[in-house]
Amino acid sequence: MSFIDNDEKAQLILASETDIARQLALHVIEKPVPRVWMIFIPILFVLYFSKIKQFESSLKAFAEHHLTPRRMILEAVLAAEKGGQPVNIEQLLDRLGNLDEATRGLCMDWLSALVGHFQLILAAEGKTYPELIQSSYRYKEDYLSFCRKIRTVEFAVNQELLSAIDANSSDLLQVTKMIDEGIHNLRAEEAEKIFS
């Protein structure tokens, strides 16, 4: 069995994270639904298409914002692996912006978990993303345990960020819960496919 190098593994990881981000965006952002009577009033149909374009733009923006820190972490892990150095998590933390102490602590946990996850995958043997995950975690329950850990930390980070910006909006809280639920469901589906 031939294996792939770390750059190829990183591309597989990024492709999987990109797919998860897109699916999560579809879970969180509501798609406009056309009404049957719109076909009789052309201007309303034009407005509907405008809303569809806005929806597609929102999906893309959401997915990219979800993916950006993961890409940054993966690039740092890959660079550290190539250089034979440990990942500088403090430096990654600084790149996230000016965070208060409580948020920094939670982000440190989140970064550490993702760094460890990506390092594990880069050290694994396999030619496909499912093979790399199977090699990394061996058992579905081990992978789901990681997923629960990262879910808990991400939710805590999001809650802390909301409190830091004094966001009591029920809409923001609802979106945070939808993201949490969406990630949980997507990772559970992913684990089922990989370990079935």
Foldseek 3Di string as FASTA:
>chain_A
DDFDALVLLLVQVLVVLLVLLLQLLPLQQDQDDDDPCCVVPVVSVVVNVVSNVVSVVSSVVRSCVSSVLLNVLLVQLVVCVVVVHDRDLVVSLVVVDDDDPVLSVLVSQLSVLSSVVSNLLNPFTDHHNLRSVCRSQVDLVSQLVSLVSNLVSVLVSLVVVCVVVPPPDPSSVVSSVSSSVSSNVVSNVVSVVSHD
